[in-house]
Protein backbone atom coordinates (compact mmCIF):
# COMPACT_ATOMS: atom_id res chain seq x y z
CA MET A 1 129.45 95.21 86.32
CA LYS A 2 126.01 96.51 85.49
CA PHE A 3 123.25 97.32 87.96
CA ASN A 4 120.13 95.17 87.35
CA PRO A 5 116.98 96.95 88.63
CA LEU A 6 114.86 93.92 87.81
CA LYS A 7 116.29 92.19 90.78
CA ILE A 8 114.60 94.89 93.01
CA LYS A 9 111.27 94.07 91.31
CA ALA A 10 111.81 90.41 91.94
CA LEU A 11 112.53 90.99 95.66
CA ILE A 12 109.41 93.19 95.96
CA LEU A 13 107.24 90.47 94.46
CA THR A 14 108.99 87.68 96.44
CA LYS A 15 108.43 89.58 99.64
CA GLY A 16 104.83 90.11 98.71
CA ILE A 17 104.83 93.91 98.99
CA ASN A 18 104.23 96.60 96.47
CA GLN A 19 106.33 99.52 95.25
CA GLU A 20 104.60 101.97 97.53
CA ILE A 21 105.52 100.08 100.62
CA LEU A 22 109.18 99.75 99.56
CA CYS A 23 109.22 103.53 98.80
CA GLY A 24 107.94 104.33 102.30
CA GLU A 25 110.52 102.08 103.86
CA ILE A 26 113.47 103.51 102.02
CA GLY A 27 112.33 107.14 101.85
CA VAL A 28 111.90 107.72 98.06
CA THR A 29 108.95 108.51 95.81
CA LYS A 30 107.43 105.91 93.60
CA GLN A 31 108.59 107.95 90.53
CA THR A 32 112.18 107.69 91.76
CA LEU A 33 111.92 103.95 92.02
CA ILE A 34 110.37 103.72 88.59
CA ASN A 35 113.25 105.80 87.10
CA TYR A 36 115.69 103.22 88.51
CA PHE A 37 113.59 100.34 87.01
CA ASN A 38 113.57 102.04 83.59
CA GLY A 39 117.27 102.94 83.67
CA ARG A 40 116.56 106.73 83.62
CA SER A 41 118.44 107.23 86.84
CA LYS A 42 121.45 105.60 88.33
CA ILE A 43 121.01 104.41 91.91
CA ASP A 44 123.27 106.02 94.50
CA THR A 45 125.06 104.10 97.24
CA THR A 46 123.04 105.45 100.09
CA LEU A 47 119.78 104.28 98.61
CA LEU A 48 121.33 101.02 97.51
CA ALA A 49 122.42 100.46 101.10
CA LYS A 50 118.77 101.04 102.34
CA ILE A 51 117.40 98.57 99.82
CA CYS A 52 120.02 96.03 100.83
CA ASP A 53 119.17 96.45 104.42
CA TYR A 54 115.40 96.12 103.77
CA PHE A 55 115.85 92.88 101.76
CA ASN A 56 118.80 91.61 103.70
CA VAL A 57 120.99 91.16 100.58
CA THR A 58 124.44 92.51 99.69
CA PRO A 59 125.01 95.22 97.01
CA GLY A 60 126.57 92.63 94.74
CA TYR A 61 123.21 90.88 94.41
CA PHE A 62 122.04 93.69 92.14
CA TYR A 63 125.01 93.67 89.80
CA ASP A 64 125.35 91.43 86.80
CA VAL A 65 128.96 90.17 86.45
CA GLU A 66 128.22 87.25 84.13
CA GLU A 67 129.25 86.81 80.51
CA PRO A 68 127.07 88.84 78.13
CA GLU A 69 125.14 85.82 76.64
CA THR A 70 124.45 84.38 80.11
CA ALA A 71 123.45 87.82 81.40
CA LYS A 72 120.89 88.08 78.57
CA LYS A 73 119.41 84.68 79.45
CA THR A 74 119.37 85.59 83.17
CA LYS A 75 117.68 88.93 82.42
CA LYS A 76 115.01 87.23 80.27
CA TYR A 77 114.44 84.66 83.00
CA ILE A 78 114.07 87.35 85.66
CA GLU A 79 111.72 89.38 83.43
CA GLN A 80 109.57 86.30 82.90
CA ARG A 81 109.45 85.50 86.65
CA VAL A 82 108.62 89.05 87.49
CA ASP A 83 105.78 89.07 84.93
CA GLU A 84 104.45 85.79 86.37
CA LEU A 85 104.62 87.03 89.92
CA GLU A 86 102.89 90.29 89.07
CA VAL A 87 100.00 88.35 87.56
CA LYS A 88 99.75 86.15 90.64
CA LEU A 89 99.96 89.17 92.99
CA SER A 90 97.18 90.92 90.97
CA LYS A 91 94.96 87.89 91.33
CA ILE A 92 95.59 87.67 94.99
CA GLU A 93 94.74 91.40 95.42
CA GLU A 94 91.49 90.86 93.39
CA LEU A 95 90.50 87.91 95.65
CA MET A 96 91.27 89.97 98.77
CA GLN A 97 89.18 92.79 97.46
CA LYS A 98 86.24 90.50 96.73
CA LYS A 99 86.43 89.09 100.27
CA LYS A 100 86.12 92.56 101.66
CA GLU A 101 82.95 93.25 99.68
């Protein structure tokens, strides 16, 4: 089983929050979160439990247990969805900023 940090990104976007909000809720710095996303750090069980509580998912949600080829397709799909959602969120934030002006 391999931890898939892209699933955290997907949940962030699905919930309509940003990384800073999640960091504040779970008590880590943005750099710590980025290190998990980039695979530079391994997530510890305490932090994983906080993330699970925040998003109301089980730890197993974040682990890939599929066959290697299926996992690659799933990862690619998640990456594409994350990219699409980031673009949409950026556009929404721009519109909100324009409304404030």
